[in-house]
Amino acid sequence: MSRLSMITASAIALALTAFNASAAKLSVDMVPGGGVDQNLVITDNPTFSVDILISDISDLAGFEFNLDFDGGLISADSITSGNLFGADTWPITSQINANSISFSETTFAAGLDITSPAILATINFKAIGPGSSNLTLSSVVLSDSLAASIASFDTQNGNVYLAPVPLPPTFLLFATGCAWITGKSRLRTKSTPIQS
């Protein structure tokens, strides 16, 4: 093997190693739009949406994932496809359970090369009670246009904190008024002399 062939082979091997080292990334974006936010605090709105994003992947032609959450604190209302594959999308699974969501799609067209975050699905949730719930990606499978598994990927999970619902101002005003009236009547009974 000539010296030039060895240098070329080494350069190709190095390029392939660098390409394989950058793993695909799946993220739970708790605040859709803009950057990827892994945390969300809810104080007054009982509904919220999250996006499942993918980036840094080549030849993506199919995916499936579960999103696990605390069903005692939040409930999933709907799943909407990100329409990643466009008209060539072939839906497979779209299922909402008490504590998880299962979603998968594929395409029979050429696989996609995705560098910046793209939406796989948007999930709409409703808050049930105060507390904190993780939103965890599990059972993730990515496949290429030859139906081979893409094994190298990282996941970023999400978390939602649901603050207790504050008392409405009218209730606080009413409670303050009742306390004032009760206090005033107690003062009046203490200051009234007892007649015999």
N, C-alpha and C. Protein backbone atom coordinates (compact mmCIF):
# COMPACT_ATOMS: atom_id res chain seq x y z
N MET A 1 0.86 -1.18 0.00
CA MET A 1 0.00 0.00 0.00
C MET A 1 0.90 1.23 0.00
N SER A 2 0.60 2.15 -0.88
CA SER A 2 1.43 3.34 -0.99
C SER A 2 1.16 4.28 0.19
N ARG A 3 2.09 5.20 0.37
CA ARG A 3 1.99 6.15 1.47
C ARG A 3 0.73 7.02 1.31
N LEU A 4 0.43 7.43 0.08
CA LEU A 4 -0.75 8.25 -0.19
C LEU A 4 -2.03 7.49 0.14
N SER A 5 -2.09 6.21 -0.21
CA SER A 5 -3.27 5.39 0.09
C SER A 5 -3.46 5.25 1.60
N MET A 6 -2.36 5.08 2.33
CA MET A 6 -2.45 4.95 3.79
C MET A 6 -2.96 6.25 4.42
N ILE A 7 -2.49 7.39 3.91
CA ILE A 7 -2.94 8.68 4.44
C ILE A 7 -4.43 8.88 4.14
N THR A 8 -4.84 8.52 2.91
CA THR A 8 -6.25 8.65 2.53
C THR A 8 -7.12 7.74 3.39
N ALA A 9 -6.72 6.48 3.58
CA ALA A 9 -7.47 5.54 4.40
C ALA A 9 -7.56 6.03 5.85
N SER A 10 -6.47 6.58 6.36
CA SER A 10 -6.46 7.10 7.73
C SER A 10 -7.40 8.29 7.86
N ALA A 11 -7.40 9.16 6.85
CA ALA A 11 -8.27 10.33 6.88
C ALA A 11 -9.74 9.92 6.85
N ILE A 12 -10.07 8.92 6.02
CA ILE A 12 -11.46 8.43 5.94
C ILE A 12 -11.87 7.80 7.27
N ALA A 13 -10.99 6.99 7.85
CA ALA A 13 -11.29 6.36 9.14
C ALA A 13 -11.49 7.40 10.22
N LEU A 14 -10.66 8.44 10.22
CA LEU A 14 -10.78 9.50 11.21
C LEU A 14 -12.10 10.26 11.02
N ALA A 15 -12.47 10.53 9.78
CA ALA A 15 -13.72 11.24 9.49
C ALA A 15 -14.92 10.41 9.94
N LEU A 16 -14.88 9.10 9.65
CA LEU A 16 -15.98 8.24 10.07
C LEU A 16 -16.08 8.16 11.59
N THR A 17 -14.93 8.11 12.27
CA THR A 17 -14.93 8.07 13.73
C THR A 17 -15.52 9.36 14.29
N ALA A 18 -15.14 10.49 13.72
CA ALA A 18 -15.67 11.78 14.19
C ALA A 18 -17.16 11.86 13.94
N PHE A 19 -17.61 11.35 12.78
CA PHE A 19 -19.04 11.37 12.45
C PHE A 19 -19.83 10.51 13.43
N ASN A 20 -19.32 9.31 13.73
CA ASN A 20 -20.02 8.39 14.63
C ASN A 20 -19.98 8.87 16.07
N ALA A 21 -18.97 9.69 16.42
CA ALA A 21 -18.83 10.15 17.79
C ALA A 21 -19.93 11.16 18.15
N SER A 22 -20.45 11.87 17.14
CA SER A 22 -21.51 12.83 17.44
C SER A 22 -22.84 12.09 17.39
N ALA A 23 -23.35 11.77 18.55
CA ALA A 23 -24.58 10.97 18.65
C ALA A 23 -25.80 11.85 18.41
N ALA A 24 -26.84 11.22 17.90
CA ALA A 24 -28.13 11.90 17.76
C ALA A 24 -28.62 12.30 19.14
N LYS A 25 -29.46 13.33 19.19
CA LYS A 25 -29.96 13.82 20.47
C LYS A 25 -31.47 13.93 20.42
N LEU A 26 -32.14 13.26 21.37
CA LEU A 26 -33.58 13.40 21.57
C LEU A 26 -33.79 14.23 22.82
N SER A 27 -34.67 15.22 22.74
CA SER A 27 -34.88 16.13 23.87
C SER A 27 -36.36 16.33 24.13
N VAL A 28 -36.69 16.48 25.42
CA VAL A 28 -38.02 16.89 25.83
C VAL A 28 -37.94 18.39 26.05
N ASP A 29 -38.57 19.17 25.17
CA ASP A 29 -38.54 20.63 25.27
C ASP A 29 -39.79 21.08 26.02
N MET A 30 -39.61 21.52 27.26
CA MET A 30 -40.75 21.87 28.11
C MET A 30 -41.39 23.21 27.75
N VAL A 31 -40.64 24.06 27.02
CA VAL A 31 -41.17 25.36 26.60
C VAL A 31 -40.96 25.47 25.09
N PRO A 32 -41.93 24.99 24.29
CA PRO A 32 -41.76 24.98 22.84
C PRO A 32 -41.43 26.35 22.26
N GLY A 33 -40.56 26.34 21.25
CA GLY A 33 -40.11 27.58 20.61
C GLY A 33 -38.82 28.04 21.26
N GLY A 34 -37.87 28.48 20.46
CA GLY A 34 -36.60 28.93 21.02
C GLY A 34 -35.69 27.77 21.33
N GLY A 35 -34.89 27.90 22.39
CA GLY A 35 -33.95 26.85 22.80
C GLY A 35 -34.67 25.69 23.46
N VAL A 36 -33.89 24.67 23.81
CA VAL A 36 -34.45 23.50 24.49
C VAL A 36 -34.45 23.76 25.99
N ASP A 37 -35.64 23.79 26.59
CA ASP A 37 -35.80 24.01 28.03
C ASP A 37 -36.22 22.70 28.68
N GLN A 38 -35.43 22.24 29.66
CA GLN A 38 -35.73 20.96 30.31
C GLN A 38 -36.64 21.10 31.52
N ASN A 39 -36.88 22.33 31.99
CA ASN A 39 -37.70 22.53 33.18
C ASN A 39 -38.82 23.52 32.91
N LEU A 40 -39.94 23.31 33.60
CA LEU A 40 -41.09 24.19 33.48
C LEU A 40 -41.75 24.31 34.85
N VAL A 41 -42.08 25.54 35.23
CA VAL A 41 -42.81 25.79 36.46
C VAL A 41 -44.19 26.33 36.08
N ILE A 42 -45.24 25.70 36.59
CA ILE A 42 -46.61 26.10 36.29
C ILE A 42 -47.22 26.67 37.56
N THR A 43 -47.73 27.89 37.49
CA THR A 43 -48.33 28.50 38.67
C THR A 43 -49.83 28.72 38.52
N ASP A 44 -50.30 29.01 37.30
CA ASP A 44 -51.71 29.33 37.19
C ASP A 44 -52.43 28.68 36.02
N ASN A 45 -51.71 28.26 34.99
CA ASN A 45 -52.36 27.69 33.81
C ASN A 45 -52.39 26.17 33.92
N PRO A 46 -53.56 25.54 33.90
CA PRO A 46 -53.62 24.08 34.08
C PRO A 46 -53.20 23.27 32.86
N THR A 47 -52.98 23.92 31.69
CA THR A 47 -52.58 23.17 30.50
C THR A 47 -51.23 23.64 30.01
N PHE A 48 -50.47 22.72 29.41
CA PHE A 48 -49.18 23.06 28.83
C PHE A 48 -48.84 22.05 27.75
N SER A 49 -47.91 22.42 26.88
CA SER A 49 -47.47 21.54 25.78
C SER A 49 -45.98 21.34 25.85
N VAL A 50 -45.52 20.17 25.41
CA VAL A 50 -44.09 19.89 25.29
C VAL A 50 -43.82 19.33 23.90
N ASP A 51 -42.64 19.61 23.39
CA ASP A 51 -42.19 19.06 22.11
C ASP A 51 -41.15 17.98 22.36
N ILE A 52 -41.18 16.93 21.57
CA ILE A 52 -40.12 15.95 21.54
C ILE A 52 -39.29 16.28 20.30
N LEU A 53 -38.01 16.62 20.51
CA LEU A 53 -37.14 17.09 19.43
C LEU A 53 -36.06 16.07 19.12
N ILE A 54 -35.56 16.11 17.89
CA ILE A 54 -34.41 15.30 17.50
C ILE A 54 -33.45 16.18 16.71
N SER A 55 -32.16 15.92 16.88
CA SER A 55 -31.14 16.67 16.14
C SER A 55 -29.89 15.82 15.98
N ASP A 56 -28.98 16.29 15.13
CA ASP A 56 -27.66 15.66 14.92
C ASP A 56 -27.78 14.19 14.51
N ILE A 57 -28.56 13.91 13.47
CA ILE A 57 -28.74 12.53 13.03
C ILE A 57 -28.74 12.49 11.50
N SER A 58 -28.23 11.39 10.95
CA SER A 58 -28.21 11.20 9.50
C SER A 58 -29.07 9.99 9.13
N ASP A 59 -29.75 10.10 7.99
CA ASP A 59 -30.51 9.00 7.41
C ASP A 59 -31.60 8.48 8.34
N LEU A 60 -32.31 9.38 9.03
CA LEU A 60 -33.42 8.97 9.90
C LEU A 60 -34.63 8.65 9.03
N ALA A 61 -35.15 7.42 9.18
CA ALA A 61 -36.33 7.02 8.41
C ALA A 61 -37.43 6.44 9.29
N GLY A 62 -37.20 6.37 10.59
CA GLY A 62 -38.22 5.87 11.50
C GLY A 62 -37.82 6.11 12.94
N PHE A 63 -38.82 6.24 13.81
CA PHE A 63 -38.54 6.44 15.23
C PHE A 63 -39.71 5.94 16.05
N GLU A 64 -39.42 5.59 17.28
CA GLU A 64 -40.46 5.29 18.26
C GLU A 64 -39.92 5.66 19.63
N PHE A 65 -40.82 6.07 20.51
CA PHE A 65 -40.42 6.42 21.87
C PHE A 65 -41.62 6.31 22.80
N ASN A 66 -41.33 6.14 24.07
CA ASN A 66 -42.31 6.30 25.13
C ASN A 66 -41.92 7.54 25.91
N LEU A 67 -42.90 8.25 26.42
CA LEU A 67 -42.65 9.36 27.34
C LEU A 67 -43.39 9.03 28.63
N ASP A 68 -42.64 8.78 29.71
CA ASP A 68 -43.21 8.39 30.99
C ASP A 68 -43.36 9.61 31.89
N PHE A 69 -44.44 9.66 32.69
CA PHE A 69 -44.70 10.79 33.57
C PHE A 69 -45.55 10.31 34.75
N ASP A 70 -45.73 11.18 35.74
CA ASP A 70 -46.53 10.86 36.92
C ASP A 70 -48.00 11.16 36.61
N GLY A 71 -48.78 10.12 36.38
CA GLY A 71 -50.18 10.28 36.03
C GLY A 71 -51.04 10.80 37.16
N GLY A 72 -50.52 10.85 38.38
CA GLY A 72 -51.26 11.43 39.49
C GLY A 72 -51.18 12.95 39.50
N LEU A 73 -50.19 13.50 38.77
CA LEU A 73 -49.99 14.96 38.76
C LEU A 73 -50.37 15.61 37.43
N ILE A 74 -50.15 14.89 36.33
CA ILE A 74 -50.49 15.43 35.01
C ILE A 74 -51.14 14.34 34.17
N SER A 75 -51.96 14.76 33.22
CA SER A 75 -52.55 13.80 32.28
C SER A 75 -52.32 14.31 30.87
N ALA A 76 -52.06 13.38 29.96
CA ALA A 76 -51.85 13.74 28.55
C ALA A 76 -53.21 13.79 27.86
N ASP A 77 -53.45 14.87 27.13
CA ASP A 77 -54.72 15.04 26.42
C ASP A 77 -54.63 14.64 24.95
N SER A 78 -53.50 14.97 24.30
CA SER A 78 -53.39 14.67 22.86
C SER A 78 -51.93 14.65 22.43
N ILE A 79 -51.69 13.95 21.31
CA ILE A 79 -50.37 13.90 20.67
C ILE A 79 -50.57 14.35 19.23
N THR A 80 -49.70 15.26 18.78
CA THR A 80 -49.74 15.73 17.40
C THR A 80 -48.41 15.45 16.75
N SER A 81 -48.43 14.85 15.58
CA SER A 81 -47.20 14.56 14.84
C SER A 81 -46.49 15.85 14.46
N GLY A 82 -45.17 15.82 14.49
CA GLY A 82 -44.39 16.95 14.00
C GLY A 82 -44.30 16.97 12.49
N ASN A 83 -44.87 15.94 11.83
CA ASN A 83 -44.89 15.84 10.37
C ASN A 83 -43.48 15.93 9.79
N LEU A 84 -42.55 15.27 10.47
CA LEU A 84 -41.15 15.32 10.09
C LEU A 84 -40.92 14.79 8.67
N PHE A 85 -41.61 13.72 8.31
CA PHE A 85 -41.41 13.10 7.00
C PHE A 85 -42.36 13.64 5.94
N GLY A 86 -43.18 14.63 6.31
CA GLY A 86 -44.09 15.26 5.35
C GLY A 86 -45.14 14.29 4.83
N ALA A 87 -45.40 14.37 3.52
CA ALA A 87 -46.43 13.53 2.90
C ALA A 87 -46.07 12.05 2.93
N ASP A 88 -44.79 11.74 3.15
CA ASP A 88 -44.34 10.33 3.18
C ASP A 88 -44.41 9.72 4.57
N THR A 89 -45.05 10.41 5.53
CA THR A 89 -45.15 9.89 6.90
C THR A 89 -46.09 8.69 6.95
N TRP A 90 -45.65 7.65 7.63
CA TRP A 90 -46.46 6.46 7.85
C TRP A 90 -46.62 6.30 9.36
N PRO A 91 -47.78 6.70 9.94
CA PRO A 91 -47.96 6.59 11.39
C PRO A 91 -48.06 5.13 11.81
N ILE A 92 -47.46 4.81 12.95
CA ILE A 92 -47.51 3.44 13.46
C ILE A 92 -48.26 3.40 14.79
N THR A 93 -47.77 4.14 15.79
CA THR A 93 -48.39 4.12 17.11
C THR A 93 -48.60 5.54 17.61
N SER A 94 -49.76 5.78 18.19
CA SER A 94 -50.06 7.05 18.87
C SER A 94 -51.02 6.69 20.00
N GLN A 95 -50.47 6.43 21.17
CA GLN A 95 -51.28 5.90 22.26
C GLN A 95 -51.00 6.65 23.56
N ILE A 96 -52.07 7.05 24.24
CA ILE A 96 -51.97 7.72 25.53
C ILE A 96 -52.42 6.74 26.61
N ASN A 97 -51.55 6.52 27.59
CA ASN A 97 -51.87 5.68 28.74
C ASN A 97 -51.91 6.56 29.99
N ALA A 98 -52.22 5.97 31.14
CA ALA A 98 -52.33 6.73 32.38
C ALA A 98 -51.00 7.37 32.79
N ASN A 99 -49.88 6.67 32.58
CA ASN A 99 -48.57 7.16 33.01
C ASN A 99 -47.56 7.29 31.89
N SER A 100 -47.97 7.11 30.65
CA SER A 100 -47.01 7.17 29.55
C SER A 100 -47.70 7.41 28.22
N ILE A 101 -46.87 7.75 27.25
CA ILE A 101 -47.32 7.95 25.87
C ILE A 101 -46.42 7.09 25.00
N SER A 102 -46.98 6.43 24.01
CA SER A 102 -46.21 5.69 23.01
C SER A 102 -46.47 6.33 21.65
N PHE A 103 -45.39 6.60 20.91
CA PHE A 103 -45.55 7.26 19.62
C PHE A 103 -44.48 6.76 18.67
N SER A 104 -44.86 6.48 17.42
CA SER A 104 -43.88 6.05 16.42
C SER A 104 -44.37 6.37 15.02
N GLU A 105 -43.42 6.66 14.14
CA GLU A 105 -43.69 6.93 12.73
C GLU A 105 -42.51 6.42 11.91
N THR A 106 -42.77 6.21 10.62
CA THR A 106 -41.71 5.82 9.71
C THR A 106 -42.00 6.42 8.34
N THR A 107 -41.05 6.26 7.43
CA THR A 107 -41.24 6.70 6.06
C THR A 107 -40.64 5.66 5.13
N PHE A 108 -41.19 5.56 3.92
CA PHE A 108 -40.62 4.66 2.92
C PHE A 108 -39.78 5.45 1.92
N ALA A 109 -39.67 6.76 2.14
CA ALA A 109 -38.82 7.60 1.30
C ALA A 109 -37.39 7.57 1.85
N ALA A 110 -36.53 8.36 1.28
CA ALA A 110 -35.15 8.43 1.74
C ALA A 110 -35.10 8.98 3.16
N GLY A 111 -34.10 8.54 3.93
CA GLY A 111 -33.93 9.03 5.29
C GLY A 111 -33.52 10.50 5.30
N LEU A 112 -33.77 11.15 6.43
CA LEU A 112 -33.46 12.58 6.57
C LEU A 112 -32.17 12.79 7.34
N ASP A 113 -31.43 13.82 6.93
CA ASP A 113 -30.27 14.30 7.69
C ASP A 113 -30.74 15.53 8.45
N ILE A 114 -30.66 15.48 9.78
CA ILE A 114 -31.19 16.57 10.61
C ILE A 114 -30.06 17.09 11.50
N THR A 115 -29.76 18.37 11.38
CA THR A 115 -28.71 18.97 12.21
C THR A 115 -29.32 19.77 13.36
N SER A 116 -30.19 20.73 13.06
CA SER A 116 -30.81 21.53 14.12
C SER A 116 -32.08 20.83 14.61
N PRO A 117 -32.52 21.13 15.84
CA PRO A 117 -33.67 20.41 16.41
C PRO A 117 -34.93 20.48 15.54
N ALA A 118 -35.53 19.31 15.32
CA ALA A 118 -36.78 19.18 14.56
C ALA A 118 -37.79 18.46 15.45
N ILE A 119 -39.06 18.80 15.30
CA ILE A 119 -40.12 18.26 16.16
C ILE A 119 -40.58 16.89 15.66
N LEU A 120 -40.50 15.89 16.55
CA LEU A 120 -41.07 14.58 16.27
C LEU A 120 -42.56 14.57 16.62
N ALA A 121 -42.90 15.18 17.77
CA ALA A 121 -44.29 15.21 18.22
C ALA A 121 -44.47 16.31 19.25
N THR A 122 -45.71 16.80 19.35
CA THR A 122 -46.09 17.75 20.39
C THR A 122 -47.17 17.09 21.24
N ILE A 123 -47.00 17.17 22.56
CA ILE A 123 -47.92 16.52 23.49
C ILE A 123 -48.56 17.59 24.37
N ASN A 124 -49.88 17.56 24.46
CA ASN A 124 -50.61 18.51 25.30
C ASN A 124 -50.98 17.83 26.61
N PHE A 125 -50.66 18.51 27.72
CA PHE A 125 -50.90 17.98 29.06
C PHE A 125 -51.85 18.88 29.83
N LYS A 126 -52.46 18.30 30.88
CA LYS A 126 -53.27 19.06 31.82
C LYS A 126 -52.77 18.74 33.22
N ALA A 127 -52.59 19.80 34.03
CA ALA A 127 -52.17 19.62 35.42
C ALA A 127 -53.34 19.11 36.24
N ILE A 128 -53.06 18.12 37.11
CA ILE A 128 -54.10 17.55 37.97
C ILE A 128 -53.94 18.06 39.40
N GLY A 129 -52.69 18.09 39.89
CA GLY A 129 -52.45 18.51 41.26
C GLY A 129 -51.05 19.03 41.42
N PRO A 130 -50.76 19.67 42.57
CA PRO A 130 -49.42 20.22 42.79
C PRO A 130 -48.39 19.13 43.01
N GLY A 131 -47.15 19.43 42.64
CA GLY A 131 -46.04 18.50 42.81
C GLY A 131 -45.07 18.62 41.66
N SER A 132 -44.17 17.64 41.54
CA SER A 132 -43.15 17.66 40.50
C SER A 132 -43.15 16.32 39.77
N SER A 133 -43.12 16.37 38.45
CA SER A 133 -43.11 15.14 37.65
C SER A 133 -41.99 15.20 36.62
N ASN A 134 -41.23 14.13 36.53
CA ASN A 134 -40.27 13.98 35.43
C ASN A 134 -41.02 13.54 34.19
N LEU A 135 -40.53 13.97 33.04
CA LEU A 135 -41.02 13.49 31.75
C LEU A 135 -39.83 12.79 31.11
N THR A 136 -39.85 11.46 31.12
CA THR A 136 -38.67 10.65 30.79
C THR A 136 -38.88 9.87 29.50
N LEU A 137 -37.95 10.04 28.57
CA LEU A 137 -37.98 9.27 27.33
C LEU A 137 -37.48 7.85 27.61
N SER A 138 -38.20 6.85 27.10
CA SER A 138 -37.79 5.45 27.27
C SER A 138 -38.17 4.67 26.01
N SER A 139 -37.67 3.46 25.92
CA SER A 139 -37.95 2.57 24.78
C SER A 139 -37.75 3.28 23.43
N VAL A 140 -36.68 4.05 23.34
CA VAL A 140 -36.39 4.80 22.12
C VAL A 140 -35.76 3.89 21.08
N VAL A 141 -36.29 3.92 19.85
CA VAL A 141 -35.71 3.19 18.72
C VAL A 141 -35.66 4.16 17.54
N LEU A 142 -34.47 4.30 16.96
CA LEU A 142 -34.29 5.11 15.75
C LEU A 142 -33.81 4.17 14.66
N SER A 143 -34.31 4.37 13.43
CA SER A 143 -33.89 3.49 12.34
C SER A 143 -33.58 4.30 11.09
N ASP A 144 -32.72 3.73 10.25
CA ASP A 144 -32.32 4.41 9.02
C ASP A 144 -33.15 3.90 7.84
N SER A 145 -32.81 4.35 6.64
CA SER A 145 -33.60 4.02 5.45
C SER A 145 -33.48 2.54 5.05
N LEU A 146 -32.51 1.81 5.63
CA LEU A 146 -32.39 0.38 5.38
C LEU A 146 -33.04 -0.44 6.50
N ALA A 147 -33.79 0.25 7.37
CA ALA A 147 -34.46 -0.35 8.53
C ALA A 147 -33.48 -0.88 9.56
N ALA A 148 -32.23 -0.40 9.51
CA ALA A 148 -31.24 -0.78 10.52
C ALA A 148 -31.34 0.19 11.69
N SER A 149 -31.07 -0.32 12.88
CA SER A 149 -31.16 0.49 14.08
C SER A 149 -30.01 1.49 14.14
N ILE A 150 -30.33 2.72 14.54
CA ILE A 150 -29.31 3.75 14.81
C ILE A 150 -29.11 3.72 16.32
N ALA A 151 -28.00 3.15 16.73
CA ALA A 151 -27.81 2.86 18.15
C ALA A 151 -27.24 4.02 18.96
N SER A 152 -26.59 4.94 18.30
CA SER A 152 -25.89 6.00 19.03
C SER A 152 -26.78 7.23 19.17
N PHE A 153 -27.34 7.44 20.39
CA PHE A 153 -28.13 8.64 20.65
C PHE A 153 -28.12 8.96 22.14
N ASP A 154 -28.35 10.21 22.45
CA ASP A 154 -28.46 10.69 23.82
C ASP A 154 -29.88 11.22 24.03
N THR A 155 -30.35 11.19 25.28
CA THR A 155 -31.67 11.75 25.58
C THR A 155 -31.54 12.82 26.65
N GLN A 156 -32.36 13.85 26.52
CA GLN A 156 -32.50 14.89 27.54
C GLN A 156 -33.95 14.87 27.98
N ASN A 157 -34.17 14.56 29.25
CA ASN A 157 -35.53 14.46 29.78
C ASN A 157 -36.00 15.81 30.30
N GLY A 158 -37.26 15.89 30.68
CA GLY A 158 -37.83 17.14 31.18
C GLY A 158 -38.40 16.98 32.57
N ASN A 159 -38.77 18.12 33.17
CA ASN A 159 -39.38 18.12 34.49
C ASN A 159 -40.38 19.27 34.55
N VAL A 160 -41.53 19.01 35.15
CA VAL A 160 -42.51 20.08 35.37
C VAL A 160 -42.81 20.16 36.86
N TYR A 161 -42.81 21.40 37.37
CA TYR A 161 -43.18 21.65 38.77
C TYR A 161 -44.52 22.37 38.77
N LEU A 162 -45.50 21.79 39.44
CA LEU A 162 -46.84 22.35 39.49
C LEU A 162 -47.05 22.98 40.86
N ALA A 163 -47.07 24.32 40.91
CA ALA A 163 -47.24 25.02 42.17
C ALA A 163 -48.67 24.88 42.66
N PRO A 164 -48.87 24.91 44.00
CA PRO A 164 -50.25 24.88 44.51
C PRO A 164 -51.02 26.08 43.97
N VAL A 165 -52.30 25.89 43.73
CA VAL A 165 -53.14 26.97 43.19
C VAL A 165 -53.35 28.01 44.28
N PRO A 166 -52.99 29.28 44.03
CA PRO A 166 -53.18 30.31 45.06
C PRO A 166 -54.67 30.62 45.26
N LEU A 167 -54.99 31.05 46.46
CA LEU A 167 -56.37 31.42 46.73
C LEU A 167 -56.71 32.69 45.97
N PRO A 168 -57.92 32.78 45.43
CA PRO A 168 -58.28 33.99 44.68
C PRO A 168 -58.36 35.20 45.61
N PRO A 169 -58.07 36.39 45.11
CA PRO A 169 -58.08 37.60 45.94
C PRO A 169 -59.43 37.86 46.60
N THR A 170 -60.54 37.56 45.95
CA THR A 170 -61.85 37.82 46.56
C THR A 170 -62.06 36.95 47.80
N PHE A 171 -61.57 35.71 47.76
CA PHE A 171 -61.69 34.84 48.93
C PHE A 171 -60.86 35.41 50.09
N LEU A 172 -59.63 35.88 49.78
CA LEU A 172 -58.79 36.46 50.83
C LEU A 172 -59.44 37.70 51.43
N LEU A 173 -60.04 38.53 50.60
CA LEU A 173 -60.73 39.72 51.09
C LEU A 173 -61.91 39.33 51.97
N PHE A 174 -62.67 38.33 51.55
CA PHE A 174 -63.81 37.85 52.33
C PHE A 174 -63.34 37.30 53.69
N ALA A 175 -62.26 36.49 53.67
CA ALA A 175 -61.74 35.90 54.91
C ALA A 175 -61.25 37.00 55.86
N THR A 176 -60.60 38.04 55.33
CA THR A 176 -60.13 39.15 56.15
C THR A 176 -61.32 39.88 56.78
N GLY A 177 -62.37 40.11 55.99
CA GLY A 177 -63.57 40.77 56.51
C GLY A 177 -64.22 39.96 57.62
N CYS A 178 -64.32 38.64 57.44
CA CYS A 178 -64.90 37.77 58.48
C CYS A 178 -64.07 37.81 59.76
N ALA A 179 -62.76 37.80 59.62
CA ALA A 179 -61.88 37.86 60.79
C ALA A 179 -62.07 39.20 61.52
N TRP A 180 -62.21 40.28 60.77
CA TRP A 180 -62.39 41.59 61.38
C TRP A 180 -63.70 41.65 62.14
N ILE A 181 -64.79 41.14 61.53
CA ILE A 181 -66.10 41.15 62.19
C ILE A 181 -66.06 40.31 63.45
N THR A 182 -65.43 39.13 63.38
CA THR A 182 -65.32 38.26 64.55
C THR A 182 -64.54 38.95 65.66
N GLY A 183 -63.44 39.57 65.32
CA GLY A 183 -62.64 40.29 66.31
C GLY A 183 -63.40 41.45 66.92
N LYS A 184 -64.13 42.20 66.11
CA LYS A 184 -64.90 43.35 66.58
C LYS A 184 -66.00 42.90 67.54
N SER A 185 -66.67 41.77 67.22
CA SER A 185 -67.75 41.30 68.10
C SER A 185 -67.19 40.78 69.43
N ARG A 186 -66.01 40.20 69.41
CA ARG A 186 -65.38 39.74 70.67
C ARG A 186 -65.01 40.93 71.54
N LEU A 187 -64.51 41.99 70.92
CA LEU A 187 -64.17 43.19 71.69
C LEU A 187 -65.43 43.79 72.31
N ARG A 188 -66.53 43.80 71.57
CA ARG A 188 -67.77 44.39 72.05
C ARG A 188 -68.30 43.59 73.25
N THR A 189 -68.23 42.25 73.21
CA THR A 189 -68.73 41.45 74.34
C THR A 189 -67.83 41.60 75.56
N LYS A 190 -66.54 41.84 75.37
CA LYS A 190 -65.62 42.04 76.51
C LYS A 190 -65.87 43.39 77.18
N SER A 191 -66.18 44.40 76.38
CA SER A 191 -66.32 45.75 76.94
C SER A 191 -67.72 46.03 77.49
N THR A 192 -68.72 45.20 77.18
CA THR A 192 -70.08 45.41 77.69
C THR A 192 -70.16 44.94 79.14
N PRO A 193 -70.53 45.85 80.09
CA PRO A 193 -70.63 45.42 81.50
C PRO A 193 -71.82 44.49 81.70
N ILE A 194 -71.65 43.56 82.62
CA ILE A 194 -72.71 42.61 82.94
C ILE A 194 -73.65 43.28 83.93
N GLN A 195 -74.92 43.31 83.64
CA GLN A 195 -75.91 43.94 84.51
C GLN A 195 -76.60 42.87 85.36
N SER A 196 -76.80 43.22 86.63
CA SER A 196 -77.47 42.29 87.52
C SER A 196 -78.88 42.70 87.81
